[in-house]
Amino acid sequence: TADILPASQTLGLGAQANYQISIKNTGLIADQFTLSLTGLDPAWYTLANTTVSLLPGETINVPLTVQVNSCEQAVPHAFQVTVTNTADQQVDNALASVTYQSAPLLSEFTPKANSLLGSQDVTFSWRSDVPSAGTLTVVGLSQTFNTQSGTYSSVVVPSLNRNSTYEWYVEAVSACGTTTSPHRQFTVGNGIVFVN
């Protein structure tokens, strides 16, 4: 039997999708199995093993990575992994898909939405699934803050006012598109900050 997890993924163009192909020998003797993939350009994927040997009842996970870098390929791509028993040519198929969008996907935002902070010096950070340059905007401040291209961005904004609520958002630009994050709020309250 063959399964692939996850069954689908959505990423920004240039990000790497990782899958695990689970193969189980349900027979009563040791067998060898071959793996093949259809539906994707061979230049887009790497299959860790194309042949595996399994004892009766044994299961193995074979890593599969998919990466599409062309900005014209931002559409869903369905593909199929075929596992064939070399002894009797029995076949099992595992279906999956990967969807690439032109804009980067952002995650792991700090500070958390609606958080209460004790420090007037606030560290803003976020991750992008592909290298992207970011622009941080804190609503009400006269300047924006830029970051260099990368998958992790961090900006320290000093001397914010105590007992004040701020709204902020990020715009990230990759080679294939632009993403603007949802607006988030945080409050700078009163607190003691230990340094050094």
Protein backbone atom coordinates (compact mmCIF):
# COMPACT_ATOMS: atom_id res chain seq x y z
CA THR A 1 0.00 0.00 0.00
CA ALA A 2 1.09 3.57 -0.63
CA ASP A 3 0.03 6.88 0.89
CA ILE A 4 1.38 10.41 0.64
CA LEU A 5 1.19 13.07 3.33
CA PRO A 6 0.19 15.80 3.30
CA ALA A 7 -2.30 15.34 0.47
CA SER A 8 -2.01 19.01 -0.54
CA GLN A 9 0.09 22.07 0.23
CA THR A 10 -0.05 25.78 -0.65
CA LEU A 11 3.17 27.79 -0.77
CA GLY A 12 4.78 30.81 -2.37
CA LEU A 13 6.73 30.26 -5.58
CA GLY A 14 10.26 29.20 -4.75
CA ALA A 15 9.33 27.58 -1.44
CA GLN A 16 9.99 23.88 -0.96
CA ALA A 17 7.08 21.50 -0.39
CA ASN A 18 7.99 18.41 1.64
CA TYR A 19 6.01 15.17 1.43
CA GLN A 20 6.37 11.70 2.96
CA ILE A 21 5.46 8.70 0.83
CA SER A 22 4.52 5.83 3.14
CA ILE A 23 4.93 2.35 1.65
CA LYS A 24 3.89 -0.83 3.47
CA ASN A 25 4.61 -4.40 2.43
CA THR A 26 1.32 -6.14 3.20
CA GLY A 27 2.55 -9.44 1.75
CA LEU A 28 4.04 -12.48 3.42
CA ILE A 29 7.51 -12.32 1.83
CA ALA A 30 10.22 -9.70 1.45
CA ASP A 31 9.71 -7.62 -1.68
CA GLN A 32 11.27 -4.82 -3.63
CA PHE A 33 9.22 -1.82 -4.76
CA THR A 34 9.88 0.90 -7.33
CA LEU A 35 8.56 4.45 -7.12
CA SER A 36 7.73 6.74 -10.01
CA LEU A 37 6.06 10.14 -10.18
CA THR A 38 3.84 11.60 -12.91
CA GLY A 39 2.20 15.00 -13.27
CA LEU A 40 5.21 17.19 -12.45
CA ASP A 41 8.17 18.37 -14.48
CA PRO A 42 11.13 16.15 -13.42
CA ALA A 43 13.17 19.31 -12.75
CA TRP A 44 10.68 20.31 -10.02
CA TYR A 45 11.01 17.38 -7.64
CA THR A 46 13.49 15.16 -5.85
CA LEU A 47 12.51 11.65 -4.80
CA ALA A 48 14.89 10.37 -2.13
CA ASN A 49 14.62 6.73 -3.27
CA THR A 50 13.17 5.16 -6.39
CA THR A 51 13.66 1.58 -5.15
CA VAL A 52 13.06 0.19 -1.65
CA SER A 53 13.16 -3.29 -0.13
CA LEU A 54 10.73 -4.22 2.63
CA LEU A 55 10.28 -7.22 4.89
CA PRO A 56 6.75 -8.60 5.42
CA GLY A 57 4.67 -6.02 7.33
CA GLU A 58 7.46 -3.42 7.20
CA THR A 59 6.69 0.24 6.45
CA ILE A 60 9.06 2.89 5.15
CA ASN A 61 8.68 6.63 4.54
CA VAL A 62 10.34 8.04 1.43
CA PRO A 63 10.87 11.83 1.38
CA LEU A 64 9.71 13.81 -1.66
CA THR A 65 10.53 17.50 -2.16
CA VAL A 66 8.85 19.71 -4.73
CA GLN A 67 10.06 23.19 -5.65
CA VAL A 68 8.84 25.42 -8.48
CA ASN A 69 10.75 28.63 -9.16
CA SER A 70 9.09 29.88 -12.35
CA CYS A 71 6.71 32.81 -11.74
CA GLU A 72 4.47 31.55 -14.55
CA GLN A 73 3.67 28.31 -12.69
CA ALA A 74 1.50 29.72 -9.88
CA VAL A 75 -1.35 27.24 -10.31
CA PRO A 76 -2.38 23.97 -8.62
CA HIS A 77 -0.33 20.96 -9.74
CA ALA A 78 -1.81 17.51 -9.15
CA PHE A 79 0.59 14.59 -9.23
CA GLN A 80 0.64 10.85 -8.66
CA VAL A 81 3.22 8.57 -7.08
CA THR A 82 3.06 4.99 -8.35
CA VAL A 83 4.53 2.18 -6.25
CA THR A 84 5.11 -1.09 -8.11
CA ASN A 85 5.98 -4.48 -6.64
CA THR A 86 8.83 -5.66 -8.88
CA ALA A 87 8.01 -9.35 -8.32
CA ASP A 88 4.38 -9.48 -9.44
CA GLN A 89 3.93 -5.95 -10.86
CA GLN A 90 1.11 -5.08 -8.45
CA VAL A 91 0.62 -1.31 -8.34
CA ASP A 92 -0.72 1.19 -5.81
CA ASN A 93 -1.12 4.91 -6.51
CA ALA A 94 -0.92 7.84 -4.10
CA LEU A 95 -2.41 11.18 -5.20
CA ALA A 96 -1.39 14.63 -3.98
CA SER A 97 -1.20 18.25 -5.12
CA VAL A 98 0.86 21.37 -4.60
CA THR A 99 -0.41 24.89 -5.20
CA TYR A 100 2.03 27.71 -5.70
CA GLN A 101 0.92 31.30 -5.43
CA SER A 102 2.94 34.20 -6.75
CA ALA A 103 2.97 36.12 -3.46
CA PRO A 104 4.95 34.94 -0.41
CA LEU A 105 3.15 33.45 2.61
CA LEU A 106 3.86 35.21 5.92
CA SER A 107 3.71 33.67 9.41
CA GLU A 108 5.06 33.78 12.99
CA PHE A 109 4.28 37.45 13.61
CA THR A 110 5.62 39.14 16.75
CA PRO A 111 4.26 40.90 18.74
CA LYS A 112 1.17 38.71 18.95
CA ALA A 113 -2.17 40.29 18.12
CA ASN A 114 -3.69 42.28 21.00
CA SER A 115 -0.69 41.66 23.28
CA LEU A 116 0.26 43.90 26.21
CA LEU A 117 3.96 44.79 26.32
CA GLY A 118 6.03 46.28 29.11
CA SER A 119 8.87 47.66 26.99
CA GLN A 120 8.81 50.84 24.95
CA ASP A 121 11.34 49.27 22.55
CA VAL A 122 9.32 46.78 20.54
CA THR A 123 10.76 44.00 18.36
CA PHE A 124 8.67 43.17 15.30
CA SER A 125 9.43 39.92 13.47
CA TRP A 126 7.88 37.62 10.89
CA ARG A 127 8.74 34.74 8.57
CA SER A 128 8.22 34.35 4.84
CA ASP A 129 8.17 31.00 3.06
CA VAL A 130 10.38 32.44 0.30
CA PRO A 131 13.08 35.15 0.40
CA SER A 132 11.34 38.51 0.44
CA ALA A 133 12.13 42.10 1.36
CA GLY A 134 9.78 43.58 3.93
CA THR A 135 8.39 46.97 4.86
CA LEU A 136 7.00 47.41 8.38
CA THR A 137 4.42 50.14 8.91
CA VAL A 138 3.37 51.18 12.42
CA VAL A 139 0.25 53.30 11.96
CA GLY A 140 0.74 56.75 13.43
CA LEU A 141 4.53 56.80 13.12
CA SER A 142 6.06 59.06 10.50
CA GLN A 143 8.46 56.47 9.12
CA THR A 144 8.37 52.92 7.78
CA PHE A 145 11.04 50.30 8.42
CA ASN A 146 12.60 48.17 5.68
CA THR A 147 14.25 44.76 5.90
CA GLN A 148 16.62 43.00 3.55
CA SER A 149 15.53 40.03 1.49
CA GLY A 150 15.34 36.82 3.50
CA THR A 151 12.96 34.33 5.06
CA TYR A 152 13.18 35.87 8.56
CA SER A 153 12.80 39.58 9.26
CA SER A 154 13.20 41.51 12.49
CA VAL A 155 12.94 45.23 13.27
CA VAL A 156 13.30 47.03 16.62
CA VAL A 157 11.24 50.20 16.93
CA PRO A 158 12.44 52.21 19.95
CA SER A 159 10.76 54.64 22.34
CA LEU A 160 7.06 53.98 21.73
CA ASN A 161 4.66 55.75 24.10
CA ARG A 162 3.45 54.00 27.23
CA ASN A 163 -0.26 53.30 27.70
CA SER A 164 -0.78 53.52 23.96
CA THR A 165 -2.24 51.07 21.45
CA TYR A 166 -0.53 50.67 18.07
CA GLU A 167 -1.60 49.08 14.83
CA TRP A 168 0.94 47.52 12.47
CA TYR A 169 1.25 45.53 9.25
CA VAL A 170 3.91 44.20 6.91
CA GLU A 171 4.30 44.26 3.15
CA ALA A 172 6.62 41.57 1.74
CA VAL A 173 7.94 41.57 -1.81
CA SER A 174 9.42 38.43 -3.39
CA ALA A 175 10.66 37.77 -6.91
CA CYS A 176 7.16 36.75 -8.01
CA GLY A 177 4.73 38.88 -6.03
CA THR A 178 3.71 41.00 -3.05
CA THR A 179 1.79 40.18 0.14
CA THR A 180 0.31 42.58 2.68
CA SER A 181 -0.37 41.08 6.10
CA PRO A 182 -3.54 41.71 8.08
CA HIS A 183 -3.38 44.66 10.50
CA ARG A 184 -2.53 43.71 14.08
CA GLN A 185 -2.68 45.68 17.31
CA PHE A 186 -0.66 45.70 20.52
CA THR A 187 -0.52 47.94 23.57
CA VAL A 188 2.55 49.33 25.32
CA GLY A 189 1.65 49.42 29.00
CA ASN A 190 3.66 50.08 32.13
CA GLY A 191 6.42 47.73 33.07
CA ILE A 192 9.98 47.23 34.20
CA VAL A 193 12.43 46.09 31.52
CA PHE A 194 15.69 44.38 32.46
CA VAL A 195 18.62 44.94 30.09
CA ASN A 196 22.25 43.76 30.01
